[in-house]
Amino acid sequence: MAENKTSKDEQIGFHKGALTTLAKEREEMSRVLSIVEQLMQMHVKALKDLGVDLAKMAKQAKTKKPIEDIIK
């Protein structure tokens, strides 16, 4: 019976460790996503400042054209 208890304790430790690791990974993923979003906003602003009509591009994107064709 003690063997069963140790096995259960090991399993609990394994799962707790996995959750800790995954929580840290999620935090890092969120940080990376935030950086990507900031960079995208910077490029959106630059395009708007250059007179690019992003609303028109968005409508064209709905036609399922490749992005290379849309931004030319």
PDB file of N, CA and C in Angstrom:
ATOM      1  N   MET A   1       0.827  -1.188   0.000  1.00  0.00           N
ATOM      2  CA  MET A   1       0.000   0.000   0.000  1.00  0.00           C
ATOM      3  C   MET A   1       0.872   1.254   0.000  1.00  0.00           C
ATOM      4  N   ALA A   2       2.004   1.229   0.687  1.00  0.00           N
ATOM      5  CA  ALA A   2       2.911   2.369   0.717  1.00  0.00           C
ATOM      6  C   ALA A   2       3.457   2.651  -0.676  1.00  0.00           C
ATOM      7  N   GLU A   3       3.638   1.607  -1.469  1.00  0.00           N
ATOM      8  CA  GLU A   3       4.136   1.754  -2.839  1.00  0.00           C
ATOM      9  C   GLU A   3       3.141   2.545  -3.686  1.00  0.00           C
ATOM     10  N   ASN A   4       1.865   2.273  -3.475  1.00  0.00           N
ATOM     11  CA  ASN A   4       0.810   2.998  -4.179  1.00  0.00           C
ATOM     12  C   ASN A   4       0.831   4.479  -3.817  1.00  0.00           C
ATOM     13  N   LYS A   5       1.026   4.775  -2.541  1.00  0.00           N
ATOM     14  CA  LYS A   5       1.060   6.153  -2.044  1.00  0.00           C
ATOM     15  C   LYS A   5       2.224   6.907  -2.666  1.00  0.00           C
ATOM     16  N   THR A   6       3.397   6.306  -2.721  1.00  0.00           N
ATOM     17  CA  THR A   6       4.562   6.940  -3.321  1.00  0.00           C
ATOM     18  C   THR A   6       4.311   7.213  -4.798  1.00  0.00           C
ATOM     19  N   SER A   7       3.746   6.256  -5.476  1.00  0.00           N
ATOM     20  CA  SER A   7       3.436   6.411  -6.882  1.00  0.00           C
ATOM     21  C   SER A   7       2.473   7.584  -7.089  1.00  0.00           C
ATOM     22  N   LYS A   8       1.478   7.676  -6.227  1.00  0.00           N
ATOM     23  CA  LYS A   8       0.510   8.769  -6.328  1.00  0.00           C
ATOM     24  C   LYS A   8       1.210  10.101  -6.043  1.00  0.00           C
ATOM     25  N   ASP A   9       2.061  10.129  -5.019  1.00  0.00           N
ATOM     26  CA  ASP A   9       2.798  11.353  -4.697  1.00  0.00           C
ATOM     27  C   ASP A   9       3.708  11.769  -5.849  1.00  0.00           C
ATOM     28  N   GLU A  10       4.349  10.790  -6.486  1.00  0.00           N
ATOM     29  CA  GLU A  10       5.195  11.091  -7.635  1.00  0.00           C
ATOM     30  C   GLU A  10       4.368  11.662  -8.783  1.00  0.00           C
ATOM     31  N   GLN A  11       3.211  11.091  -8.996  1.00  0.00           N
ATOM     32  CA  GLN A  11       2.337  11.585 -10.061  1.00  0.00           C
ATOM     33  C   GLN A  11       1.881  13.014  -9.778  1.00  0.00           C
ATOM     34  N   ILE A  12       1.536  13.266  -8.524  1.00  0.00           N
ATOM     35  CA  ILE A  12       1.113  14.615  -8.141  1.00  0.00           C
ATOM     36  C   ILE A  12       2.259  15.603  -8.371  1.00  0.00           C
ATOM     37  N   GLY A  13       3.450  15.225  -7.959  1.00  0.00           N
ATOM     38  CA  GLY A  13       4.617  16.090  -8.163  1.00  0.00           C
ATOM     39  C   GLY A  13       4.879  16.352  -9.633  1.00  0.00           C
ATOM     40  N   PHE A  14       4.756  15.309 -10.435  1.00  0.00           N
ATOM     41  CA  PHE A  14       4.957  15.450 -11.875  1.00  0.00           C
ATOM     42  C   PHE A  14       3.974  16.454 -12.463  1.00  0.00           C
ATOM     43  N   HIS A  15       2.698  16.309 -12.125  1.00  0.00           N
ATOM     44  CA  HIS A  15       1.667  17.185 -12.678  1.00  0.00           C
ATOM     45  C   HIS A  15       1.825  18.620 -12.185  1.00  0.00           C
ATOM     46  N   LYS A  16       2.184  18.791 -10.917  1.00  0.00           N
ATOM     47  CA  LYS A  16       2.413  20.139 -10.391  1.00  0.00           C
ATOM     48  C   LYS A  16       3.591  20.792 -11.111  1.00  0.00           C
ATOM     49  N   GLY A  17       4.644  20.033 -11.314  1.00  0.00           N
ATOM     50  CA  GLY A  17       5.812  20.557 -12.030  1.00  0.00           C
ATOM     51  C   GLY A  17       5.474  20.937 -13.463  1.00  0.00           C
ATOM     52  N   ALA A  18       4.681  20.094 -14.104  1.00  0.00           N
ATOM     53  CA  ALA A  18       4.259  20.383 -15.476  1.00  0.00           C
ATOM     54  C   ALA A  18       3.441  21.662 -15.525  1.00  0.00           C
ATOM     55  N   LEU A  19       2.532  21.831 -14.580  1.00  0.00           N
ATOM     56  CA  LEU A  19       1.710  23.045 -14.553  1.00  0.00           C
ATOM     57  C   LEU A  19       2.557  24.291 -14.315  1.00  0.00           C
ATOM     58  N   THR A  20       3.536  24.190 -13.442  1.00  0.00           N
ATOM     59  CA  THR A  20       4.426  25.321 -13.186  1.00  0.00           C
ATOM     60  C   THR A  20       5.176  25.706 -14.449  1.00  0.00           C
ATOM     61  N   THR A  21       5.710  24.718 -15.136  1.00  0.00           N
ATOM     62  CA  THR A  21       6.442  24.962 -16.374  1.00  0.00           C
ATOM     63  C   THR A  21       5.530  25.561 -17.437  1.00  0.00           C
ATOM     64  N   LEU A  22       4.349  25.006 -17.595  1.00  0.00           N
ATOM     65  CA  LEU A  22       3.409  25.506 -18.597  1.00  0.00           C
ATOM     66  C   LEU A  22       2.936  26.921 -18.283  1.00  0.00           C
ATOM     67  N   ALA A  23       2.765  27.235 -17.012  1.00  0.00           N
ATOM     68  CA  ALA A  23       2.360  28.591 -16.633  1.00  0.00           C
ATOM     69  C   ALA A  23       3.444  29.592 -17.022  1.00  0.00           C
ATOM     70  N   LYS A  24       4.698  29.221 -16.806  1.00  0.00           N
ATOM     71  CA  LYS A  24       5.806  30.096 -17.210  1.00  0.00           C
ATOM     72  C   LYS A  24       5.866  30.234 -18.721  1.00  0.00           C
ATOM     73  N   GLU A  25       5.630  29.156 -19.444  1.00  0.00           N
ATOM     74  CA  GLU A  25       5.601  29.201 -20.909  1.00  0.00           C
ATOM     75  C   GLU A  25       4.473  30.109 -21.395  1.00  0.00           C
ATOM     76  N   ARG A  26       3.325  30.018 -20.744  1.00  0.00           N
ATOM     77  CA  ARG A  26       2.191  30.863 -21.121  1.00  0.00           C
ATOM     78  C   ARG A  26       2.522  32.333 -20.901  1.00  0.00           C
ATOM     79  N   GLU A  27       3.170  32.660 -19.789  1.00  0.00           N
ATOM     80  CA  GLU A  27       3.578  34.037 -19.518  1.00  0.00           C
ATOM     81  C   GLU A  27       4.520  34.543 -20.602  1.00  0.00           C
ATOM     82  N   GLU A  28       5.477  33.718 -20.983  1.00  0.00           N
ATOM     83  CA  GLU A  28       6.436  34.101 -22.023  1.00  0.00           C
ATOM     84  C   GLU A  28       5.734  34.273 -23.364  1.00  0.00           C
ATOM     85  N   MET A  29       4.816  33.376 -23.677  1.00  0.00           N
ATOM     86  CA  MET A  29       4.060  33.479 -24.929  1.00  0.00           C
ATOM     87  C   MET A  29       3.271  34.789 -24.953  1.00  0.00           C
ATOM     88  N   SER A  30       2.673  35.133 -23.842  1.00  0.00           N
ATOM     89  CA  SER A  30       1.913  36.379 -23.740  1.00  0.00           C
ATOM     90  C   SER A  30       2.824  37.579 -23.949  1.00  0.00           C
ATOM     91  N   ARG A  31       4.021  37.521 -23.395  1.00  0.00           N
ATOM     92  CA  ARG A  31       4.985  38.610 -23.559  1.00  0.00           C
ATOM     93  C   ARG A  31       5.386  38.754 -25.028  1.00  0.00           C
ATOM     94  N   VAL A  32       5.645  37.643 -25.684  1.00  0.00           N
ATOM     95  CA  VAL A  32       6.026  37.669 -27.101  1.00  0.00           C
ATOM     96  C   VAL A  32       4.868  38.204 -27.935  1.00  0.00           C
ATOM     97  N   LEU A  33       3.653  37.766 -27.641  1.00  0.00           N
ATOM     98  CA  LEU A  33       2.479  38.243 -28.369  1.00  0.00           C
ATOM     99  C   LEU A  33       2.320  39.756 -28.215  1.00  0.00           C
ATOM    100  N   SER A  34       2.575  40.264 -27.031  1.00  0.00           N
ATOM    101  CA  SER A  34       2.488  41.700 -26.782  1.00  0.00           C
ATOM    102  C   SER A  34       3.512  42.464 -27.628  1.00  0.00           C
ATOM    103  N   ILE A  35       4.710  41.939 -27.721  1.00  0.00           N
ATOM    104  CA  ILE A  35       5.751  42.577 -28.530  1.00  0.00           C
ATOM    105  C   ILE A  35       5.354  42.566 -30.001  1.00  0.00           C
ATOM    106  N   VAL A  36       4.849  41.435 -30.484  1.00  0.00           N
ATOM    107  CA  VAL A  36       4.415  41.325 -31.881  1.00  0.00           C
ATOM    108  C   VAL A  36       3.297  42.331 -32.155  1.00  0.00           C
ATOM    109  N   GLU A  37       2.350  42.442 -31.243  1.00  0.00           N
ATOM    110  CA  GLU A  37       1.240  43.386 -31.411  1.00  0.00           C
ATOM    111  C   GLU A  37       1.757  44.821 -31.487  1.00  0.00           C
ATOM    112  N   GLN A  38       2.712  45.176 -30.631  1.00  0.00           N
ATOM    113  CA  GLN A  38       3.286  46.520 -30.664  1.00  0.00           C
ATOM    114  C   GLN A  38       3.982  46.784 -31.994  1.00  0.00           C
ATOM    115  N   LEU A  39       4.713  45.810 -32.493  1.00  0.00           N
ATOM    116  CA  LEU A  39       5.398  45.973 -33.777  1.00  0.00           C
ATOM    117  C   LEU A  39       4.397  46.116 -34.921  1.00  0.00           C
ATOM    118  N   MET A  40       3.325  45.325 -34.873  1.00  0.00           N
ATOM    119  CA  MET A  40       2.303  45.431 -35.911  1.00  0.00           C
ATOM    120  C   MET A  40       1.654  46.810 -35.891  1.00  0.00           C
ATOM    121  N   GLN A  41       1.347  47.323 -34.708  1.00  0.00           N
ATOM    122  CA  GLN A  41       0.748  48.649 -34.596  1.00  0.00           C
ATOM    123  C   GLN A  41       1.691  49.724 -35.123  1.00  0.00           C
ATOM    124  N   MET A  42       2.967  49.566 -34.877  1.00  0.00           N
ATOM    125  CA  MET A  42       3.960  50.509 -35.391  1.00  0.00           C
ATOM    126  C   MET A  42       3.924  50.524 -36.921  1.00  0.00           C
ATOM    127  N   HIS A  43       3.855  49.345 -37.530  1.00  0.00           N
ATOM    128  CA  HIS A  43       3.820  49.260 -38.992  1.00  0.00           C
ATOM    129  C   HIS A  43       2.499  49.788 -39.551  1.00  0.00           C
ATOM    130  N   VAL A  44       1.391  49.530 -38.854  1.00  0.00           N
ATOM    131  CA  VAL A  44       0.094  50.063 -39.276  1.00  0.00           C
ATOM    132  C   VAL A  44       0.148  51.592 -39.286  1.00  0.00           C
ATOM    133  N   LYS A  45       0.683  52.165 -38.224  1.00  0.00           N
ATOM    134  CA  LYS A  45       0.787  53.629 -38.143  1.00  0.00           C
ATOM    135  C   LYS A  45       1.662  54.170 -39.261  1.00  0.00           C
ATOM    136  N   ALA A  46       2.787  53.519 -39.517  1.00  0.00           N
ATOM    137  CA  ALA A  46       3.688  53.971 -40.574  1.00  0.00           C
ATOM    138  C   ALA A  46       2.997  53.909 -41.934  1.00  0.00           C
ATOM    139  N   LEU A  47       2.254  52.847 -42.188  1.00  0.00           N
ATOM    140  CA  LEU A  47       1.532  52.730 -43.456  1.00  0.00           C
ATOM    141  C   LEU A  47       0.465  53.812 -43.585  1.00  0.00           C
ATOM    142  N   LYS A  48      -0.251  54.073 -42.506  1.00  0.00           N
ATOM    143  CA  LYS A  48      -1.262  55.131 -42.536  1.00  0.00           C
ATOM    144  C   LYS A  48      -0.608  56.479 -42.799  1.00  0.00           C
ATOM    145  N   ASP A  49       0.522  56.726 -42.137  1.00  0.00           N
ATOM    146  CA  ASP A  49       1.252  57.982 -42.341  1.00  0.00           C
ATOM    147  C   ASP A  49       1.720  58.128 -43.785  1.00  0.00           C
ATOM    148  N   LEU A  50       1.965  57.007 -44.451  1.00  0.00           N
ATOM    149  CA  LEU A  50       2.390  57.016 -45.854  1.00  0.00           C
ATOM    150  C   LEU A  50       1.206  57.044 -46.823  1.00  0.00           C
ATOM    151  N   GLY A  51      -0.004  57.086 -46.275  1.00  0.00           N
ATOM    152  CA  GLY A  51      -1.191  57.207 -47.108  1.00  0.00           C
ATOM    153  C   GLY A  51      -1.765  55.897 -47.608  1.00  0.00           C
ATOM    154  N   VAL A  52      -1.353  54.792 -47.041  1.00  0.00           N
ATOM    155  CA  VAL A  52      -1.886  53.491 -47.459  1.00  0.00           C
ATOM    156  C   VAL A  52      -3.263  53.304 -46.834  1.00  0.00           C
ATOM    157  N   ASP A  53      -4.234  52.922 -47.665  1.00  0.00           N
ATOM    158  CA  ASP A  53      -5.604  52.693 -47.205  1.00  0.00           C
ATOM    159  C   ASP A  53      -5.733  51.259 -46.692  1.00  0.00           C
ATOM    160  N   LEU A  54      -5.593  51.107 -45.395  1.00  0.00           N
ATOM    161  CA  LEU A  54      -5.639  49.773 -44.797  1.00  0.00           C
ATOM    162  C   LEU A  54      -7.040  49.168 -44.838  1.00  0.00           C
ATOM    163  N   ALA A  55      -8.066  49.994 -44.785  1.00  0.00           N
ATOM    164  CA  ALA A  55      -9.437  49.478 -44.873  1.00  0.00           C
ATOM    165  C   ALA A  55      -9.656  48.842 -46.238  1.00  0.00           C
ATOM    166  N   LYS A  56      -9.143  49.476 -47.277  1.00  0.00           N
ATOM    167  CA  LYS A  56      -9.266  48.923 -48.626  1.00  0.00           C
ATOM    168  C   LYS A  56      -8.505  47.600 -48.727  1.00  0.00           C
ATOM    169  N   MET A  57      -7.317  47.566 -48.138  1.00  0.00           N
ATOM    170  CA  MET A  57      -6.523  46.329 -48.143  1.00  0.00           C
ATOM    171  C   MET A  57      -7.252  45.214 -47.413  1.00  0.00           C
ATOM    172  N   ALA A  58      -7.926  45.553 -46.315  1.00  0.00           N
ATOM    173  CA  ALA A  58      -8.661  44.544 -45.540  1.00  0.00           C
ATOM    174  C   ALA A  58      -9.807  43.969 -46.368  1.00  0.00           C
ATOM    175  N   LYS A  59     -10.484  44.833 -47.111  1.00  0.00           N
ATOM    176  CA  LYS A  59     -11.571  44.350 -47.968  1.00  0.00           C
ATOM    177  C   LYS A  59     -11.029  43.425 -49.052  1.00  0.00           C
ATOM    178  N   GLN A  60      -9.878  43.788 -49.621  1.00  0.00           N
ATOM    179  CA  GLN A  60      -9.263  42.947 -50.649  1.00  0.00           C
ATOM    180  C   GLN A  60      -8.824  41.610 -50.059  1.00  0.00           C
ATOM    181  N   ALA A  61      -8.378  41.629 -48.832  1.00  0.00           N
ATOM    182  CA  ALA A  61      -7.915  40.401 -48.181  1.00  0.00           C
ATOM    183  C   ALA A  61      -9.057  39.402 -48.022  1.00  0.00           C
ATOM    184  N   LYS A  62     -10.260  39.899 -47.902  1.00  0.00           N
ATOM    185  CA  LYS A  62     -11.420  39.013 -47.761  1.00  0.00           C
ATOM    186  C   LYS A  62     -11.698  38.244 -49.041  1.00  0.00           C
ATOM    187  N   THR A  63     -11.093  38.668 -50.134  1.00  0.00           N
ATOM    188  CA  THR A  63     -11.285  37.959 -51.401  1.00  0.00           C
ATOM    189  C   THR A  63     -10.348  36.765 -51.506  1.00  0.00           C
ATOM    190  N   LYS A  64      -9.552  36.526 -50.471  1.00  0.00           N
ATOM    191  CA  LYS A  64      -8.656  35.372 -50.378  1.00  0.00           C
ATOM    192  C   LYS A  64      -7.478  35.438 -51.359  1.00  0.00           C
ATOM    193  N   LYS A  65      -7.104  36.660 -51.763  1.00  0.00           N
ATOM    194  CA  LYS A  65      -5.925  36.807 -52.606  1.00  0.00           C
ATOM    195  C   LYS A  65      -4.683  36.624 -51.745  1.00  0.00           C
ATOM    196  N   PRO A  66      -3.596  36.156 -52.336  1.00  0.00           N
ATOM    197  CA  PRO A  66      -2.341  36.072 -51.581  1.00  0.00           C
ATOM    198  C   PRO A  66      -1.902  37.469 -51.135  1.00  0.00           C
ATOM    199  N   ILE A  67      -1.323  37.571 -49.980  1.00  0.00           N
ATOM    200  CA  ILE A  67      -0.925  38.868 -49.421  1.00  0.00           C
ATOM    201  C   ILE A  67       0.041  39.598 -50.372  1.00  0.00           C
ATOM    202  N   GLU A  68       0.854  38.861 -51.089  1.00  0.00           N
ATOM    203  CA  GLU A  68       1.797  39.492 -52.017  1.00  0.00           C
ATOM    204  C   GLU A  68       1.063  40.281 -53.093  1.00  0.00           C
ATOM    205  N   ASP A  69      -0.082  39.766 -53.529  1.00  0.00           N
ATOM    206  CA  ASP A  69      -0.865  40.457 -54.553  1.00  0.00           C
ATOM    207  C   ASP A  69      -1.577  41.675 -53.990  1.00  0.00           C
ATOM    208  N   ILE A  70      -1.943  41.616 -52.747  1.00  0.00           N
ATOM    209  CA  ILE A  70      -2.696  42.691 -52.129  1.00  0.00           C
ATOM    210  C   ILE A  70      -1.825  43.921 -51.878  1.00  0.00           C
ATOM    211  N   ILE A  71      -0.585  43.709 -51.439  1.00  0.00           N
ATOM    212  CA  ILE A  71       0.252  44.849 -51.044  1.00  0.00           C
ATOM    213  C   ILE A  71       1.039  45.449 -52.184  1.00  0.00           C
ATOM    214  N   LYS A  72       0.928  44.899 -53.394  1.00  0.00           N
ATOM    215  CA  LYS A  72       1.653  45.464 -54.543  1.00  0.00           C
ATOM    216  C   LYS A  72       0.989  46.715 -55.033  1.00  0.00           C
TER     217      LYS A  72
END
